[in-house]
């Protein structure tokens, strides 16, 4: 049998910005749904899968109509009480705080990567790694290419107007290799 975990709602709960927005928008009933969700989440670990089983359990706990529960869940996510990205991508209700509390447990299993909410620092590191991985190593220049690449770097993307010079327009004594005449 699992040991019951207490649901802590402290004296600041009703003063939190997310709860105040819910109440001000006329969605105070969503708080009952929130308490039901937190009860289910805490029983199971760190998240609840948004599915028919969750809706049945919430209906049993709160005695609210399933349509009202759907609406409440949407408002709770929009208010920031659950992670919007995880809800949209994986259809789970969780928060970073729930996950951190779960990981402090002695019997906690690892959270799968697709369900884990990364901190801002972790997201920056992952983003940096992805950008580095996207850079493609250019092969070493072959003979003649080094000069062309250097010229490209120096031109900074400017296109200089040039034209091929015919043999008749060549300067006397020149070999004719790579000679171009600027059109000015």
C-alpha atoms as a PDB file:
ATOM      1  CA  UNK A   1       0.000   0.000   0.000  1.00  0.00           C
ATOM      2  CA  UNK A   2       1.291   3.457  -0.940  1.00  0.00           C
ATOM      3  CA  UNK A   3       1.908   5.959   1.803  1.00  0.00           C
ATOM      4  CA  UNK A   4      -0.389   8.993   1.503  1.00  0.00           C
ATOM      5  CA  UNK A   5       1.281  12.253   0.605  1.00  0.00           C
ATOM      6  CA  UNK A   6      -0.123  15.450   2.035  1.00  0.00           C
ATOM      7  CA  UNK A   7      -1.266  18.181  -0.323  1.00  0.00           C
ATOM      8  CA  UNK A   8       0.135  21.413   0.986  1.00  0.00           C
ATOM      9  CA  UNK A   9      -1.978  24.454   0.305  1.00  0.00           C
ATOM     10  CA  UNK A  10      -0.384  27.204   2.324  1.00  0.00           C
ATOM     11  CA  UNK A  11      -1.790  30.538   3.387  1.00  0.00           C
ATOM     12  CA  UNK A  12      -0.378  32.218   0.269  1.00  0.00           C
ATOM     13  CA  UNK A  13      -2.266  29.960  -2.167  1.00  0.00           C
ATOM     14  CA  UNK A  14      -5.206  32.309  -2.685  1.00  0.00           C
ATOM     15  CA  UNK A  15      -2.822  35.260  -2.946  1.00  0.00           C
ATOM     16  CA  UNK A  16      -0.764  33.728  -5.766  1.00  0.00           C
ATOM     17  CA  UNK A  17      -0.961  35.548  -9.081  1.00  0.00           C
ATOM     18  CA  UNK A  18      -2.265  32.525 -11.020  1.00  0.00           C
ATOM     19  CA  UNK A  19      -5.094  31.877  -8.550  1.00  0.00           C
ATOM     20  CA  UNK A  20      -6.029  35.549  -8.414  1.00  0.00           C
ATOM     21  CA  UNK A  21      -6.245  35.652 -12.243  1.00  0.00           C
ATOM     22  CA  UNK A  22      -8.510  32.592 -12.217  1.00  0.00           C
ATOM     23  CA  UNK A  23     -10.849  34.084  -9.639  1.00  0.00           C
ATOM     24  CA  UNK A  24     -10.889  37.504 -11.332  1.00  0.00           C
ATOM     25  CA  UNK A  25     -11.801  35.850 -14.646  1.00  0.00           C
ATOM     26  CA  UNK A  26     -14.739  34.074 -12.980  1.00  0.00           C
ATOM     27  CA  UNK A  27     -13.151  30.634 -12.917  1.00  0.00           C
ATOM     28  CA  UNK A  28     -13.021  30.121  -9.155  1.00  0.00           C
ATOM     29  CA  UNK A  29     -14.680  26.705  -9.579  1.00  0.00           C
ATOM     30  CA  UNK A  30     -11.515  25.590 -11.348  1.00  0.00           C
ATOM     31  CA  UNK A  31      -9.804  25.613  -7.946  1.00  0.00           C
ATOM     32  CA  UNK A  32     -11.835  22.563  -6.915  1.00  0.00           C
ATOM     33  CA  UNK A  33     -10.646  20.846 -10.083  1.00  0.00           C
ATOM     34  CA  UNK A  34      -7.075  21.917  -9.240  1.00  0.00           C
ATOM     35  CA  UNK A  35      -7.321  20.337  -5.790  1.00  0.00           C
ATOM     36  CA  UNK A  36      -8.680  17.150  -7.369  1.00  0.00           C
ATOM     37  CA  UNK A  37      -5.870  17.114  -9.936  1.00  0.00           C
ATOM     38  CA  UNK A  38      -3.201  17.664  -7.301  1.00  0.00           C
ATOM     39  CA  UNK A  39      -4.657  14.799  -5.245  1.00  0.00           C
ATOM     40  CA  UNK A  40      -4.428  12.477  -8.257  1.00  0.00           C
ATOM     41  CA  UNK A  41      -0.964  13.696  -9.246  1.00  0.00           C
ATOM     42  CA  UNK A  42       0.450  13.322  -5.744  1.00  0.00           C
ATOM     43  CA  UNK A  43      -0.938   9.782  -5.493  1.00  0.00           C
ATOM     44  CA  UNK A  44       0.737   8.795  -8.733  1.00  0.00           C
ATOM     45  CA  UNK A  45       4.004  10.693  -8.594  1.00  0.00           C
ATOM     46  CA  UNK A  46       4.627  13.855 -10.574  1.00  0.00           C
ATOM     47  CA  UNK A  47       2.064  14.015 -13.415  1.00  0.00           C
ATOM     48  CA  UNK A  48      -1.406  13.049 -14.575  1.00  0.00           C
ATOM     49  CA  UNK A  49      -2.117  11.906 -18.137  1.00  0.00           C
ATOM     50  CA  UNK A  50      -5.007  13.882 -19.639  1.00  0.00           C
ATOM     51  CA  UNK A  51      -7.299  11.023 -20.680  1.00  0.00           C
ATOM     52  CA  UNK A  52     -10.677   9.422 -19.955  1.00  0.00           C
ATOM     53  CA  UNK A  53      -9.414   7.737 -16.780  1.00  0.00           C
ATOM     54  CA  UNK A  54      -8.320  11.106 -15.369  1.00  0.00           C
ATOM     55  CA  UNK A  55     -11.645  12.687 -16.259  1.00  0.00           C
ATOM     56  CA  UNK A  56     -13.579   9.837 -14.569  1.00  0.00           C
ATOM     57  CA  UNK A  57     -11.515  10.154 -11.413  1.00  0.00           C
ATOM     58  CA  UNK A  58     -11.913  13.940 -11.376  1.00  0.00           C
ATOM     59  CA  UNK A  59     -15.655  13.614 -11.893  1.00  0.00           C
ATOM     60  CA  UNK A  60     -15.817  11.201  -8.954  1.00  0.00           C
ATOM     61  CA  UNK A  61     -13.723  13.456  -6.700  1.00  0.00           C
ATOM     62  CA  UNK A  62     -15.336  16.781  -7.551  1.00  0.00           C
ATOM     63  CA  UNK A  63     -18.885  15.807  -8.641  1.00  0.00           C
ATOM     64  CA  UNK A  64     -18.467  18.187 -11.577  1.00  0.00           C
ATOM     65  CA  UNK A  65     -19.622  17.639 -15.165  1.00  0.00           C
ATOM     66  CA  UNK A  66     -16.909  16.459 -17.626  1.00  0.00           C
ATOM     67  CA  UNK A  67     -17.429  19.514 -19.864  1.00  0.00           C
ATOM     68  CA  UNK A  68     -16.807  21.790 -16.882  1.00  0.00           C
ATOM     69  CA  UNK A  69     -13.714  19.762 -15.982  1.00  0.00           C
ATOM     70  CA  UNK A  70     -12.318  20.150 -19.515  1.00  0.00           C
ATOM     71  CA  UNK A  71     -12.862  23.883 -19.343  1.00  0.00           C
ATOM     72  CA  UNK A  72     -11.326  24.069 -15.862  1.00  0.00           C
ATOM     73  CA  UNK A  73      -8.211  22.181 -16.963  1.00  0.00           C
ATOM     74  CA  UNK A  74      -7.766  24.514 -19.919  1.00  0.00           C
ATOM     75  CA  UNK A  75      -8.063  27.554 -17.623  1.00  0.00           C
ATOM     76  CA  UNK A  76      -5.640  26.043 -15.090  1.00  0.00           C
ATOM     77  CA  UNK A  77      -3.040  25.493 -17.800  1.00  0.00           C
ATOM     78  CA  UNK A  78      -3.565  28.992 -19.210  1.00  0.00           C
ATOM     79  CA  UNK A  79      -3.202  30.485 -15.717  1.00  0.00           C
ATOM     80  CA  UNK A  80       0.192  28.811 -15.363  1.00  0.00           C
ATOM     81  CA  UNK A  81      -0.704  26.279 -12.673  1.00  0.00           C
ATOM     82  CA  UNK A  82       0.469  23.480 -15.002  1.00  0.00           C
ATOM     83  CA  UNK A  83       3.158  23.486 -17.683  1.00  0.00           C
ATOM     84  CA  UNK A  84       1.574  24.559 -20.977  1.00  0.00           C
ATOM     85  CA  UNK A  85       4.249  22.975 -23.187  1.00  0.00           C
ATOM     86  CA  UNK A  86       3.935  19.549 -21.536  1.00  0.00           C
ATOM     87  CA  UNK A  87       0.160  19.724 -21.737  1.00  0.00           C
ATOM     88  CA  UNK A  88       0.251  20.613 -25.425  1.00  0.00           C
ATOM     89  CA  UNK A  89       3.004  18.222 -26.436  1.00  0.00           C
ATOM     90  CA  UNK A  90       2.558  15.170 -24.187  1.00  0.00           C
ATOM     91  CA  UNK A  91      -0.984  15.750 -22.837  1.00  0.00           C
ATOM     92  CA  UNK A  92       0.196  15.546 -19.243  1.00  0.00           C
ATOM     93  CA  UNK A  93      -0.439  17.867 -16.310  1.00  0.00           C
ATOM     94  CA  UNK A  94       2.728  18.564 -14.365  1.00  0.00           C
ATOM     95  CA  UNK A  95       5.007  21.354 -13.140  1.00  0.00           C
ATOM     96  CA  UNK A  96       8.722  21.684 -12.597  1.00  0.00           C
ATOM     97  CA  UNK A  97       8.066  22.055  -8.861  1.00  0.00           C
ATOM     98  CA  UNK A  98       6.109  18.760  -8.755  1.00  0.00           C
ATOM     99  CA  UNK A  99       8.919  17.058 -10.619  1.00  0.00           C
ATOM    100  CA  UNK A 100      11.628  18.446  -8.326  1.00  0.00           C
ATOM    101  CA  UNK A 101       9.650  17.354  -5.244  1.00  0.00           C
ATOM    102  CA  UNK A 102       9.161  13.891  -6.730  1.00  0.00           C
ATOM    103  CA  UNK A 103      12.894  13.525  -7.440  1.00  0.00           C
ATOM    104  CA  UNK A 104      13.693  14.227  -3.761  1.00  0.00           C
ATOM    105  CA  UNK A 105      11.840  11.081  -2.750  1.00  0.00           C
ATOM    106  CA  UNK A 106      13.952   8.091  -1.805  1.00  0.00           C
ATOM    107  CA  UNK A 107      11.948   5.700  -3.995  1.00  0.00           C
ATOM    108  CA  UNK A 108      11.711   8.027  -7.021  1.00  0.00           C
ATOM    109  CA  UNK A 109      12.250   6.586 -10.470  1.00  0.00           C
ATOM    110  CA  UNK A 110      13.912   8.664 -13.172  1.00  0.00           C
ATOM    111  CA  UNK A 111      11.580  10.963 -15.078  1.00  0.00           C
ATOM    112  CA  UNK A 112      11.596  10.132 -18.815  1.00  0.00           C
ATOM    113  CA  UNK A 113      13.171  12.886 -20.921  1.00  0.00           C
ATOM    114  CA  UNK A 114       9.989  13.525 -22.876  1.00  0.00           C
ATOM    115  CA  UNK A 115       8.129  14.308 -19.604  1.00  0.00           C
ATOM    116  CA  UNK A 116      10.894  16.210 -17.836  1.00  0.00           C
ATOM    117  CA  UNK A 117      10.592  19.987 -17.696  1.00  0.00           C
ATOM    118  CA  UNK A 118      14.018  21.542 -18.113  1.00  0.00           C
ATOM    119  CA  UNK A 119      15.159  24.620 -16.212  1.00  0.00           C
ATOM    120  CA  UNK A 120      15.967  27.794 -18.136  1.00  0.00           C
ATOM    121  CA  UNK A 121      19.676  27.024 -17.737  1.00  0.00           C
ATOM    122  CA  UNK A 122      19.232  23.483 -19.096  1.00  0.00           C
ATOM    123  CA  UNK A 123      17.260  24.837 -22.080  1.00  0.00           C
ATOM    124  CA  UNK A 124      20.071  27.291 -22.872  1.00  0.00           C
ATOM    125  CA  UNK A 125      22.677  24.517 -22.743  1.00  0.00           C
ATOM    126  CA  UNK A 126      20.550  22.229 -24.942  1.00  0.00           C
ATOM    127  CA  UNK A 127      19.956  25.076 -27.406  1.00  0.00           C
ATOM    128  CA  UNK A 128      23.661  25.861 -27.577  1.00  0.00           C
ATOM    129  CA  UNK A 129      24.484  22.179 -28.135  1.00  0.00           C
ATOM    130  CA  UNK A 130      21.920  21.960 -30.928  1.00  0.00           C
ATOM    131  CA  UNK A 131      23.382  25.006 -32.673  1.00  0.00           C
ATOM    132  CA  UNK A 132      26.896  23.559 -32.434  1.00  0.00           C
ATOM    133  CA  UNK A 133      25.677  20.215 -33.802  1.00  0.00           C
ATOM    134  CA  UNK A 134      24.087  21.960 -36.793  1.00  0.00           C
ATOM    135  CA  UNK A 135      27.321  23.571 -37.907  1.00  0.00           C
ATOM    136  CA  UNK A 136      28.771  21.500 -40.662  1.00  0.00           C
ATOM    137  CA  UNK A 137      32.498  21.107 -40.909  1.00  0.00           C
ATOM    138  CA  UNK A 138      33.659  22.360 -44.259  1.00  0.00           C
ATOM    139  CA  UNK A 139      36.189  20.174 -46.046  1.00  0.00           C
ATOM    140  CA  UNK A 140      39.722  21.499 -46.316  1.00  0.00           C
ATOM    141  CA  UNK A 141      40.105  23.735 -49.374  1.00  0.00           C
ATOM    142  CA  UNK A 142      41.751  22.209 -52.402  1.00  0.00           C
ATOM    143  CA  UNK A 143      44.379  24.012 -54.373  1.00  0.00           C
ATOM    144  CA  UNK A 144      42.977  27.270 -55.771  1.00  0.00           C
ATOM    145  CA  UNK A 145      39.905  27.289 -53.512  1.00  0.00           C
ATOM    146  CA  UNK A 146      41.705  28.991 -50.627  1.00  0.00           C
ATOM    147  CA  UNK A 147      42.214  32.143 -52.694  1.00  0.00           C
ATOM    148  CA  UNK A 148      38.553  32.142 -53.819  1.00  0.00           C
ATOM    149  CA  UNK A 149      37.293  31.748 -50.223  1.00  0.00           C
ATOM    150  CA  UNK A 150      39.589  34.537 -49.058  1.00  0.00           C
ATOM    151  CA  UNK A 151      38.230  36.809 -51.800  1.00  0.00           C
ATOM    152  CA  UNK A 152      34.664  35.933 -50.759  1.00  0.00           C
ATOM    153  CA  UNK A 153      35.440  36.878 -47.164  1.00  0.00           C
ATOM    154  CA  UNK A 154      36.964  40.184 -48.208  1.00  0.00           C
ATOM    155  CA  UNK A 155      34.099  41.152 -50.500  1.00  0.00           C
ATOM    156  CA  UNK A 156      31.555  40.800 -47.652  1.00  0.00           C
ATOM    157  CA  UNK A 157      28.973  39.701 -50.142  1.00  0.00           C
ATOM    158  CA  UNK A 158      29.474  42.603 -52.578  1.00  0.00           C
ATOM    159  CA  UNK A 159      29.344  41.709 -56.260  1.00  0.00           C
ATOM    160  CA  UNK A 160      31.858  43.636 -58.303  1.00  0.00           C
ATOM    161  CA  UNK A 161      30.838  44.133 -61.922  1.00  0.00           C
ATOM    162  CA  UNK A 162      33.254  42.208 -64.129  1.00  0.00           C
ATOM    163  CA  UNK A 163      33.386  40.960 -67.672  1.00  0.00           C
ATOM    164  CA  UNK A 164      35.505  38.399 -69.443  1.00  0.00           C
ATOM    165  CA  UNK A 165      38.203  39.982 -71.542  1.00  0.00           C
ATOM    166  CA  UNK A 166      38.649  38.677 -75.039  1.00  0.00           C
ATOM    167  CA  UNK A 167      42.115  37.826 -76.359  1.00  0.00           C
ATOM    168  CA  UNK A 168      42.105  40.964 -78.515  1.00  0.00           C
ATOM    169  CA  UNK A 169      41.608  43.192 -75.436  1.00  0.00           C
ATOM    170  CA  UNK A 170      44.466  41.618 -73.475  1.00  0.00           C
ATOM    171  CA  UNK A 171      47.330  43.739 -72.408  1.00  0.00           C
ATOM    172  CA  UNK A 172      50.423  43.056 -74.428  1.00  0.00           C
ATOM    173  CA  UNK A 173      52.733  40.596 -72.726  1.00  0.00           C
ATOM    174  CA  UNK A 174      50.112  39.096 -70.408  1.00  0.00           C
ATOM    175  CA  UNK A 175      49.525  35.361 -70.343  1.00  0.00           C
ATOM    176  CA  UNK A 176      45.725  35.817 -70.290  1.00  0.00           C
ATOM    177  CA  UNK A 177      45.114  33.651 -67.202  1.00  0.00           C
ATOM    178  CA  UNK A 178      42.310  34.970 -64.970  1.00  0.00           C
ATOM    179  CA  UNK A 179      42.477  38.442 -66.490  1.00  0.00           C
ATOM    180  CA  UNK A 180      39.289  40.432 -66.075  1.00  0.00           C
ATOM    181  CA  UNK A 181      38.487  43.961 -67.010  1.00  0.00           C
ATOM    182  CA  UNK A 182      36.311  46.060 -64.691  1.00  0.00           C
ATOM    183  CA  UNK A 183      33.301  47.773 -66.223  1.00  0.00           C
ATOM    184  CA  UNK A 184      33.200  51.193 -64.749  1.00  0.00           C
END
